[in-house]
Amino acid sequence: MGSIRKSSPNGIRDAIEVVLRQYVSEQNHLALALSGGVDSVVLLQILAQISKQFTFNLSAIHVEHGISPNAKQWSDFCQSYCDALGVPLTVFHLSIKKQSQVSLEAAARRGRYAIFKAISADFIVLAHHLDDQAETLQLQLLRGAGLRGLAGMPIMRSLGSAENNVRLLRPLLTVSRDIIQDYALQNKLMWVTDESNDDTTYHRNFLRHQIFPVLEQRYPAYRETLARTSRHIGEAIQLLDGLAENDSQSVIVAGDIHIERLRKLDFLRAKNLLRYIFSRHDIIQPSTQKLEEILRQLWVAKSDNHLHLVFGEFEIRLYKNLVKLLPKAKPPDSDQNQLFYWHGELNWLIEPLGGVIKWSNSTGVGINAKKLMENPVAVRLRKGGERFQPNCKRPRRSLKKIFQEAAIPEWERNDLPLLLSGDQLVWVAGIGIDCGFQVMPGEQGLMPSWHPS
């Protein structure tokens, strides 16, 4: 699809309609991310005009980051603008905290995308345009990004999970910034201006204000050229993803990576497979150096060792020849001796342990409630040396041995709550109920379940 940079501003609507016909179905819900800037203001006006023709549902969302002193004014502007168009608006408030080795821009982006993933819509519509695409490719080149980074922004991509398949849609990606601004001026639209857009200490602004004006003097079609390069790279990624998908058929077992099968791939194909897996989990790709270090450690790791690799918000563990990709664990805010007492809550939130114990009534299985409450009921973490008898036909044994037989990884064992009646161990999450507290067949019981957050 060709770009719209020098044509009439009225061509914007045609470009948007081409994208809508390709991706959007009748009665789809489109939620436009409205910043109040000229790009999203123009896009919302055009979508509002054609929503009846295309019979989709349109709403807007505004994320107030709280970074600028003008944030409240921008929110008020977006609300007034949406009211005038008859488009429902939802405003979200973010509290951005500076994180080590994470820029304020990156932290704000993560916050926005976390909100996008929770939106009940078919598409989150973004107003990125042709100049944004050129800037993105140049930034990725300067960062030494891999092919996936150099492919730039796709017109459409999935953002949510299988249960909430929200997608990102960028219908302005072939339209230049100049054409968008010309359209806004011709239609006498109002918009807000983020003062940080002129701050050239930000890399993107430096390219926009200092580098690209010079580049345009010599290469006036640089936007289209860079966008075409991104499309070529995107096609190469599709081929590599196809190779990775084939490799995953033999390497992935029940969602985990089988270490011995991974080692049968050559190093480059193994790198390609890991990048593919990270991408499918919507994980920020580790640097080339970090990725190669991960592979090197997986190459030499023993199946029974304590391999623990952390990158970003994720970690890699190895257990029984399976490589497990997990969210980075947050240590419980509690020591092993601290007791948390139950006062009859059906949904028992235990914040220091990071989860909820939910209680339900049962028949023939579960805990004998009368015996349970003969003594104060509490939970604590494992501290070692506990003995347990979940099977009445087997003797009481060490909890460590029972964990091993249940194939519960070692790093999970110390985070599982242990339920006690006085000093007696009653129930262990993931294992079961002690024989001495189990109800008889036909009796009413209480069944606990552990739900980590």
Protein backbone atom coordinates (compact mmCIF):
# COMPACT_ATOMS: atom_id res chain seq x y z
CA MET A 1 0.00 0.00 0.00
CA GLY A 2 1.47 3.36 -1.03
CA SER A 3 2.06 6.20 1.36
CA ILE A 4 0.06 9.43 1.57
CA ARG A 5 2.52 12.26 2.08
CA LYS A 6 2.05 14.84 -0.66
CA SER A 7 -1.53 14.18 -1.75
CA SER A 8 -4.60 16.12 -0.65
CA PRO A 9 -5.47 15.91 3.05
CA ASN A 10 -8.80 14.40 1.99
CA GLY A 11 -6.81 11.29 1.05
CA ILE A 12 -6.50 10.50 4.76
CA ARG A 13 -10.05 9.21 4.85
CA ASP A 14 -9.38 6.92 1.89
CA ALA A 15 -6.28 5.52 3.61
CA ILE A 16 -8.24 4.85 6.79
CA GLU A 17 -11.08 3.17 4.91
CA VAL A 18 -8.63 0.82 3.15
CA VAL A 19 -7.36 -0.38 6.54
CA LEU A 20 -10.85 -0.71 8.01
CA ARG A 21 -12.06 -2.81 5.09
CA GLN A 22 -9.09 -5.12 5.50
CA TYR A 23 -9.30 -5.71 9.24
CA VAL A 24 -12.58 -4.54 10.78
CA SER A 25 -15.89 -6.42 10.72
CA GLU A 26 -19.41 -5.19 11.38
CA GLN A 27 -20.22 -4.47 15.03
CA ASN A 28 -16.54 -4.61 16.06
CA HIS A 29 -15.70 -2.31 18.95
CA LEU A 30 -12.92 0.19 18.20
CA ALA A 31 -11.43 2.09 21.15
CA LEU A 32 -9.22 4.96 20.00
CA ALA A 33 -6.31 6.00 22.22
CA LEU A 34 -6.87 9.76 22.37
CA SER A 35 -3.93 11.81 23.62
CA GLY A 36 -5.42 15.13 22.53
CA GLY A 37 -2.60 15.69 20.04
CA VAL A 38 -3.31 16.53 16.43
CA ASP A 39 -2.84 12.96 15.15
CA SER A 40 -5.38 11.30 17.43
CA VAL A 41 -7.79 14.27 17.17
CA VAL A 42 -7.88 13.96 13.38
CA LEU A 43 -8.22 10.17 13.51
CA LEU A 44 -11.10 10.31 15.98
CA GLN A 45 -13.01 12.86 13.91
CA ILE A 46 -12.74 10.75 10.75
CA LEU A 47 -13.65 7.51 12.55
CA ALA A 48 -16.68 9.22 14.09
CA GLN A 49 -17.78 10.33 10.61
CA ILE A 50 -17.53 6.90 9.00
CA SER A 51 -18.52 4.67 11.96
CA LYS A 52 -22.13 4.45 10.77
CA GLN A 53 -21.09 3.59 7.24
CA PHE A 54 -18.84 0.79 8.52
CA THR A 55 -21.26 -0.10 11.38
CA PHE A 56 -18.59 -0.46 14.06
CA ASN A 57 -18.86 0.74 17.64
CA LEU A 58 -16.52 3.60 18.52
CA SER A 59 -15.25 4.79 21.88
CA ALA A 60 -12.13 6.60 23.11
CA ILE A 61 -9.70 6.15 25.97
CA HIS A 62 -7.36 8.75 27.42
CA VAL A 63 -4.43 7.87 29.68
CA GLU A 64 -3.45 10.66 32.06
CA HIS A 65 0.17 9.95 32.96
CA GLY A 66 0.50 12.77 35.46
CA ILE A 67 3.97 13.64 34.14
CA SER A 68 3.12 17.03 32.65
CA PRO A 69 1.65 19.87 34.76
CA ASN A 70 -0.89 20.24 31.94
CA ALA A 71 -2.17 16.65 32.21
CA LYS A 72 -5.51 17.65 33.74
CA GLN A 73 -6.12 20.25 31.01
CA TRP A 74 -5.45 17.60 28.35
CA SER A 75 -7.95 15.25 29.98
CA ASP A 76 -10.57 18.01 30.09
CA PHE A 77 -9.94 18.82 26.43
CA CYS A 78 -10.37 15.16 25.42
CA GLN A 79 -13.61 14.94 27.37
CA SER A 80 -15.01 18.08 25.70
CA TYR A 81 -13.94 16.91 22.26
CA CYS A 82 -15.53 13.48 22.71
CA ASP A 83 -18.73 15.04 24.05
CA ALA A 84 -18.94 17.21 20.93
CA LEU A 85 -18.53 14.16 18.68
CA GLY A 86 -20.88 11.99 20.73
CA VAL A 87 -18.11 9.44 21.40
CA PRO A 88 -17.91 7.84 24.87
CA LEU A 89 -14.58 8.49 26.63
CA THR A 90 -12.92 6.63 29.50
CA VAL A 91 -10.04 8.34 31.31
CA PHE A 92 -7.37 6.25 33.03
CA HIS A 93 -4.90 7.65 35.55
CA LEU A 94 -1.35 6.34 35.74
CA SER A 95 1.23 6.95 38.42
CA ILE A 96 4.56 6.58 36.66
CA LYS A 97 7.49 5.73 38.91
CA LYS A 98 11.07 6.08 37.73
CA GLN A 99 12.66 2.65 37.53
CA SER A 100 16.32 1.72 37.41
CA GLN A 101 17.59 1.38 33.81
CA VAL A 102 14.10 2.18 32.45
CA SER A 103 13.42 5.54 30.82
CA LEU A 104 10.37 7.56 31.76
CA GLU A 105 9.10 7.08 28.19
CA ALA A 106 9.43 3.30 28.44
CA ALA A 107 7.74 3.20 31.85
CA ALA A 108 4.83 5.29 30.54
CA ARG A 109 4.52 3.04 27.49
CA ARG A 110 4.39 -0.09 29.66
CA GLY A 111 1.69 1.51 31.76
CA ARG A 112 -0.37 2.43 28.70
CA TYR A 113 -0.10 -1.01 27.18
CA ALA A 114 -1.10 -2.67 30.45
CA ILE A 115 -4.28 -0.57 30.29
CA PHE A 116 -4.81 -1.43 26.60
CA LYS A 117 -4.65 -5.15 27.37
CA ALA A 118 -7.44 -4.79 29.92
CA ILE A 119 -9.79 -2.88 27.60
CA SER A 120 -12.89 -4.75 26.46
CA ALA A 121 -12.68 -4.03 22.73
CA ASP A 122 -11.82 -5.72 19.46
CA PHE A 123 -9.27 -3.06 18.49
CA ILE A 124 -7.25 -0.40 20.27
CA VAL A 125 -6.75 2.21 17.53
CA LEU A 126 -3.49 4.19 17.60
CA ALA A 127 -2.66 7.31 15.59
CA HIS A 128 0.93 6.42 14.63
CA HIS A 129 1.78 7.73 11.17
CA LEU A 130 4.43 7.54 8.45
CA ASP A 131 6.89 9.88 10.23
CA ASP A 132 6.55 7.84 13.45
CA GLN A 133 7.45 4.72 11.48
CA ALA A 134 10.58 6.37 10.04
CA GLU A 135 11.63 7.60 13.47
CA THR A 136 11.08 4.17 14.99
CA LEU A 137 13.24 2.43 12.39
CA GLN A 138 16.05 4.97 12.80
CA LEU A 139 15.97 4.67 16.60
CA GLN A 140 16.11 0.88 16.37
CA LEU A 141 19.06 1.07 13.99
CA LEU A 142 20.93 3.32 16.42
CA ARG A 143 20.17 0.88 19.26
CA GLY A 144 21.54 -2.05 17.25
CA ALA A 145 18.16 -3.79 17.31
CA GLY A 146 17.51 -7.15 15.71
CA LEU A 147 15.22 -7.81 12.78
CA ARG A 148 12.06 -7.77 14.89
CA GLY A 149 12.85 -4.26 16.11
CA LEU A 150 13.76 -3.08 12.61
CA ALA A 151 10.43 -4.27 11.21
CA GLY A 152 8.89 -1.21 12.82
CA MET A 153 5.21 -0.96 13.71
CA PRO A 154 2.71 -3.20 11.91
CA ILE A 155 -0.68 -1.87 10.85
CA MET A 156 -2.32 -4.58 12.96
CA ARG A 157 -1.07 -6.94 15.63
CA SER A 158 -2.56 -8.95 18.44
CA LEU A 159 -2.09 -7.51 21.90
CA GLY A 160 -4.22 -9.64 24.22
CA SER A 161 -4.37 -13.29 25.24
CA ALA A 162 -6.54 -16.02 23.73
CA GLU A 163 -9.25 -15.07 26.24
CA ASN A 164 -9.09 -11.35 25.46
CA ASN A 165 -7.95 -11.06 21.85
CA VAL A 166 -7.70 -7.28 21.66
CA ARG A 167 -5.66 -6.05 18.69
CA LEU A 168 -3.73 -2.88 17.94
CA LEU A 169 -4.74 -1.09 14.74
CA ARG A 170 -2.81 1.78 13.12
CA PRO A 171 -4.84 3.12 10.16
CA LEU A 172 -2.63 6.24 9.68
CA LEU A 173 0.63 4.39 9.18
CA THR A 174 0.87 5.40 5.49
CA VAL A 175 -0.01 9.06 6.11
CA SER A 176 2.61 11.74 6.85
CA ARG A 177 2.55 14.20 9.74
CA ASP A 178 2.30 17.17 7.35
CA ILE A 179 -0.85 15.83 5.70
CA ILE A 180 -2.47 15.18 9.08
CA GLN A 181 -1.74 18.72 10.24
CA ASP A 182 -3.01 20.18 6.95
CA TYR A 183 -6.26 18.26 7.40
CA ALA A 184 -6.63 19.58 10.94
CA LEU A 185 -6.09 23.17 9.80
CA GLN A 186 -8.48 22.90 6.85
CA ASN A 187 -11.18 21.46 9.14
CA LYS A 188 -10.47 24.06 11.85
CA LEU A 189 -9.80 21.40 14.49
CA MET A 190 -8.33 22.19 17.90
CA TRP A 191 -5.76 20.05 19.67
CA VAL A 192 -3.29 20.14 22.55
CA THR A 193 0.49 20.23 22.28
CA ASP A 194 2.74 18.24 24.60
CA GLU A 195 5.57 20.58 25.59
CA SER A 196 7.94 17.60 25.86
CA ASN A 197 7.74 17.13 22.06
CA ASP A 198 10.23 20.00 21.68
CA ASP A 199 12.70 18.59 24.21
CA THR A 200 15.59 17.26 22.15
CA THR A 201 17.10 15.45 25.11
CA TYR A 202 14.64 12.71 24.09
CA HIS A 203 16.13 10.65 21.27
CA ARG A 204 12.99 10.65 19.14
CA ASN A 205 12.67 14.44 19.35
CA PHE A 206 16.34 14.88 18.48
CA LEU A 207 15.85 12.88 15.29
CA ARG A 208 12.62 14.71 14.48
CA HIS A 209 13.94 18.25 14.94
CA GLN A 210 17.66 17.98 14.23
CA ILE A 211 18.34 15.06 11.90
CA PHE A 212 15.35 14.42 9.66
CA PRO A 213 14.99 18.02 8.38
CA VAL A 214 18.58 17.79 7.10
CA LEU A 215 17.98 14.30 5.71
CA GLU A 216 14.89 15.48 3.84
CA GLN A 217 16.88 18.13 1.97
CA ARG A 218 18.94 15.39 0.29
CA TYR A 219 16.45 12.50 0.40
CA PRO A 220 12.92 13.96 0.28
CA ALA A 221 11.36 10.47 0.02
CA TYR A 222 13.20 9.11 3.07
CA ARG A 223 9.94 8.37 4.91
CA GLU A 224 8.64 6.06 2.20
CA THR A 225 12.08 4.50 1.73
CA LEU A 226 12.46 3.68 5.42
CA ALA A 227 8.88 2.38 5.60
CA ARG A 228 9.61 0.12 2.60
CA THR A 229 12.74 -1.17 4.35
CA SER A 230 10.66 -2.02 7.41
CA ARG A 231 8.20 -3.95 5.23
CA HIS A 232 11.04 -5.95 3.66
CA ILE A 233 12.36 -6.81 7.11
CA GLY A 234 8.85 -7.75 8.22
CA GLU A 235 8.65 -10.25 5.37
CA ALA A 236 11.99 -11.76 6.43
CA ILE A 237 10.66 -12.09 9.99
CA GLN A 238 7.61 -13.98 8.71
CA LEU A 239 9.97 -16.53 7.13
CA LEU A 240 12.00 -16.81 10.34
CA ASP A 241 8.81 -17.17 12.36
CA GLY A 242 7.73 -19.98 10.08
CA LEU A 243 11.05 -21.74 10.75
CA ALA A 244 10.65 -21.14 14.50
CA GLU A 245 7.08 -22.49 14.42
CA ASN A 246 8.35 -25.68 12.79
CA ASP A 247 11.12 -26.00 15.37
CA SER A 248 8.68 -25.41 18.22
CA GLN A 249 6.62 -28.44 17.13
CA SER A 250 9.48 -30.71 18.16
CA VAL A 251 11.00 -28.64 20.98
CA ILE A 252 7.94 -27.45 22.96
CA VAL A 253 6.36 -29.94 25.37
CA ALA A 254 3.12 -28.90 27.14
CA GLY A 255 4.10 -25.24 26.81
CA ASP A 256 7.68 -25.67 28.07
CA ILE A 257 10.98 -26.04 26.18
CA HIS A 258 12.53 -29.51 26.29
CA ILE A 259 16.18 -28.81 26.96
CA GLU A 260 17.63 -31.82 25.11
CA ARG A 261 15.54 -31.12 22.01
CA LEU A 262 16.58 -27.47 22.07
CA ARG A 263 20.23 -28.54 22.09
CA LYS A 264 19.71 -30.48 18.87
CA LEU A 265 19.17 -27.19 17.04
CA ASP A 266 22.17 -25.23 15.89
CA PHE A 267 22.91 -22.05 17.84
CA LEU A 268 21.33 -19.65 15.33
CA ARG A 269 18.08 -21.62 15.08
CA ALA A 270 17.92 -21.87 18.87
CA LYS A 271 18.31 -18.07 19.11
CA ASN A 272 15.59 -17.63 16.52
CA LEU A 273 13.28 -19.97 18.45
CA LEU A 274 13.81 -18.13 21.75
CA ARG A 275 13.11 -14.77 20.09
CA TYR A 276 9.93 -16.25 18.60
CA ILE A 277 8.80 -17.60 21.99
CA PHE A 278 9.51 -14.29 23.74
CA SER A 279 7.57 -12.46 21.04
CA ARG A 280 4.57 -14.78 21.43
CA HIS A 281 4.57 -14.09 25.18
CA ASP A 282 4.75 -10.33 24.47
CA ILE A 283 8.07 -10.16 26.34
CA ILE A 284 10.53 -7.35 25.67
CA GLN A 285 13.39 -9.02 23.83
CA PRO A 286 16.64 -9.33 25.80
CA SER A 287 19.75 -7.83 24.25
CA THR A 288 21.80 -9.99 21.89
CA GLN A 289 24.44 -10.40 24.59
CA LYS A 290 21.86 -11.45 27.18
CA LEU A 291 20.12 -13.81 24.76
CA GLU A 292 23.39 -15.55 23.88
CA GLU A 293 24.27 -15.81 27.57
CA ILE A 294 20.87 -17.43 28.24
CA LEU A 295 21.52 -19.98 25.51
CA ARG A 296 25.06 -20.69 26.69
CA GLN A 297 23.82 -21.44 30.19
CA LEU A 298 21.01 -23.63 28.86
CA TRP A 299 23.56 -25.50 26.71
CA VAL A 300 25.68 -26.53 29.73
CA ALA A 301 22.99 -26.75 32.45
CA LYS A 302 22.23 -30.06 34.15
CA SER A 303 18.60 -31.07 34.54
CA ASP A 304 18.85 -31.20 38.32
CA ASN A 305 20.76 -27.96 38.89
CA HIS A 306 19.48 -24.66 40.26
CA LEU A 307 19.54 -22.69 37.00
CA HIS A 308 17.88 -19.30 37.50
CA LEU A 309 18.17 -16.62 34.82
CA VAL A 310 16.43 -13.25 35.15
CA PHE A 311 15.82 -10.70 32.40
CA GLY A 312 13.36 -7.84 32.60
CA GLU A 313 10.16 -8.93 34.29
CA PHE A 314 10.71 -12.62 33.52
CA GLU A 315 12.88 -15.48 34.66
CA ILE A 316 13.96 -18.85 33.29
CA ARG A 317 14.03 -22.03 35.39
CA LEU A 318 15.05 -25.59 34.54
CA TYR A 319 13.25 -28.57 36.05
CA LYS A 320 13.27 -32.20 34.90
CA ASN A 321 14.67 -31.29 31.47
CA LEU A 322 12.00 -28.62 30.90
CA VAL A 323 12.85 -24.93 30.52
CA LYS A 324 10.12 -22.85 32.14
CA LEU A 325 9.54 -19.19 31.24
CA LEU A 326 7.89 -17.49 34.21
CA PRO A 327 7.00 -14.01 35.45
CA LYS A 328 9.71 -12.80 37.80
CA ALA A 329 8.82 -14.02 41.27
CA LYS A 330 8.19 -11.48 43.97
CA PRO A 331 9.45 -12.76 47.34
CA PRO A 332 6.70 -13.05 49.97
CA ASP A 333 6.57 -10.17 52.46
CA SER A 334 6.80 -12.62 55.31
CA ASP A 335 9.22 -14.98 57.04
CA GLN A 336 8.60 -18.70 57.44
CA ASN A 337 7.55 -18.37 61.10
CA GLN A 338 4.96 -15.64 60.65
CA LEU A 339 1.38 -16.81 61.18
CA PHE A 340 -1.70 -15.37 59.46
CA TYR A 341 -4.95 -16.22 61.25
CA TRP A 342 -8.23 -17.09 59.58
CA HIS A 343 -11.42 -15.41 60.78
CA GLY A 344 -13.91 -17.24 58.58
CA GLU A 345 -13.45 -15.29 55.31
CA LEU A 346 -14.68 -17.23 52.26
CA ASN A 347 -12.11 -15.39 50.13
CA TRP A 348 -9.14 -15.08 52.44
CA LEU A 349 -6.72 -12.52 51.04
CA ILE A 350 -3.22 -12.94 52.46
CA GLU A 351 -1.32 -10.03 50.91
CA PRO A 352 2.13 -10.84 52.37
CA LEU A 353 1.94 -14.28 50.72
CA GLY A 354 0.67 -12.82 47.45
CA GLY A 355 -2.59 -14.68 47.01
CA VAL A 356 -6.06 -15.73 48.15
CA ILE A 357 -7.35 -18.92 49.79
CA LYS A 358 -10.89 -19.57 48.59
CA TRP A 359 -13.20 -21.83 50.60
CA SER A 360 -16.06 -23.90 49.18
CA ASN A 361 -18.46 -26.49 50.63
CA SER A 362 -17.99 -30.10 49.55
CA THR A 363 -19.38 -33.56 50.19
CA GLY A 364 -17.22 -36.61 50.86
CA VAL A 365 -14.01 -34.65 50.37
CA GLY A 366 -12.43 -31.72 52.13
CA ILE A 367 -11.54 -30.73 55.68
CA ASN A 368 -13.56 -31.68 58.74
CA ALA A 369 -14.63 -28.18 59.81
CA LYS A 370 -15.37 -29.13 63.43
CA LYS A 371 -11.94 -30.63 63.96
CA LEU A 372 -10.23 -27.81 62.06
CA MET A 373 -11.65 -25.17 64.39
CA GLU A 374 -10.84 -26.92 67.65
CA ASN A 375 -7.74 -24.70 67.62
CA PRO A 376 -6.89 -21.33 66.04
CA VAL A 377 -6.59 -21.68 62.24
CA ALA A 378 -3.64 -20.03 60.53
CA VAL A 379 -1.30 -20.30 57.57
CA ARG A 380 2.44 -19.89 57.30
CA LEU A 381 5.18 -20.71 54.83
CA ARG A 382 7.25 -23.85 54.88
CA LYS A 383 10.28 -23.70 57.16
CA GLY A 384 11.57 -27.27 56.76
CA GLY A 385 11.15 -30.48 58.71
CA GLU A 386 7.34 -30.69 58.33
CA ARG A 387 5.78 -34.14 58.11
CA PHE A 388 2.51 -34.82 56.37
CA GLN A 389 0.08 -37.67 55.54
CA PRO A 390 -2.21 -36.79 52.61
CA ASN A 391 -2.79 -40.50 51.83
CA CYS A 392 -4.28 -42.48 54.72
CA LYS A 393 -2.91 -45.72 53.25
CA ARG A 394 0.68 -44.49 53.46
CA PRO A 395 2.72 -43.47 56.51
CA ARG A 396 3.42 -39.89 57.54
CA ARG A 397 6.45 -38.65 55.62
CA SER A 398 8.55 -35.56 55.16
CA LEU A 399 6.87 -32.79 53.18
CA LYS A 400 10.05 -32.44 51.14
CA LYS A 401 9.71 -36.02 49.90
CA ILE A 402 6.03 -35.49 49.08
CA PHE A 403 6.87 -32.36 47.09
CA GLN A 404 9.46 -34.29 45.11
CA GLU A 405 6.99 -37.09 44.30
CA ALA A 406 4.40 -34.51 43.21
CA ALA A 407 7.00 -32.97 40.82
CA ILE A 408 6.58 -29.51 42.35
CA PRO A 409 9.69 -27.49 41.43
CA GLU A 410 11.90 -26.55 44.34
CA TRP A 411 11.53 -22.79 43.76
CA GLU A 412 7.72 -23.07 44.16
CA ARG A 413 7.72 -25.06 47.39
CA ASN A 414 8.64 -22.27 49.76
CA ASP A 415 5.88 -20.01 48.40
CA LEU A 416 3.00 -22.44 49.02
CA PRO A 417 0.86 -21.75 52.11
CA LEU A 418 0.56 -24.36 54.85
CA LEU A 419 -2.73 -24.42 56.80
CA LEU A 420 -2.56 -25.26 60.48
CA SER A 421 -4.98 -25.96 63.29
CA GLY A 422 -2.98 -25.03 66.34
CA ASP A 423 0.35 -26.79 65.75
CA GLN A 424 -1.05 -29.48 63.46
CA LEU A 425 -0.47 -29.33 59.72
CA VAL A 426 -3.89 -29.65 58.03
CA TRP A 427 -3.52 -28.74 54.34
CA VAL A 428 -0.70 -27.96 51.91
CA ALA A 429 -1.54 -26.06 48.72
CA GLY A 430 -0.85 -28.20 45.68
CA ILE A 431 -0.69 -31.40 47.74
CA GLY A 432 -3.86 -32.03 49.75
CA ILE A 433 -5.35 -32.55 53.20
CA ASP A 434 -3.79 -34.48 56.07
CA CYS A 435 -5.46 -37.82 56.76
CA GLY A 436 -6.37 -36.84 60.32
CA PHE A 437 -8.51 -33.91 59.09
CA GLN A 438 -10.24 -35.48 56.07
CA VAL A 439 -14.02 -35.92 56.13
CA MET A 440 -15.57 -39.36 55.85
CA PRO A 441 -17.55 -40.42 52.73
CA GLY A 442 -20.88 -38.62 52.61
CA GLU A 443 -19.90 -36.01 55.21
CA GLN A 444 -19.88 -32.29 54.56
CA GLY A 445 -16.48 -30.70 54.31
CA LEU A 446 -14.63 -27.46 53.62
CA MET A 447 -12.40 -27.37 50.55
CA PRO A 448 -9.65 -24.73 50.34
CA SER A 449 -7.92 -23.68 47.11
CA TRP A 450 -4.90 -21.41 46.67
CA HIS A 451 -4.93 -18.64 44.07
CA PRO A 452 -1.62 -16.75 43.79
CA SER A 453 -2.00 -13.24 42.37
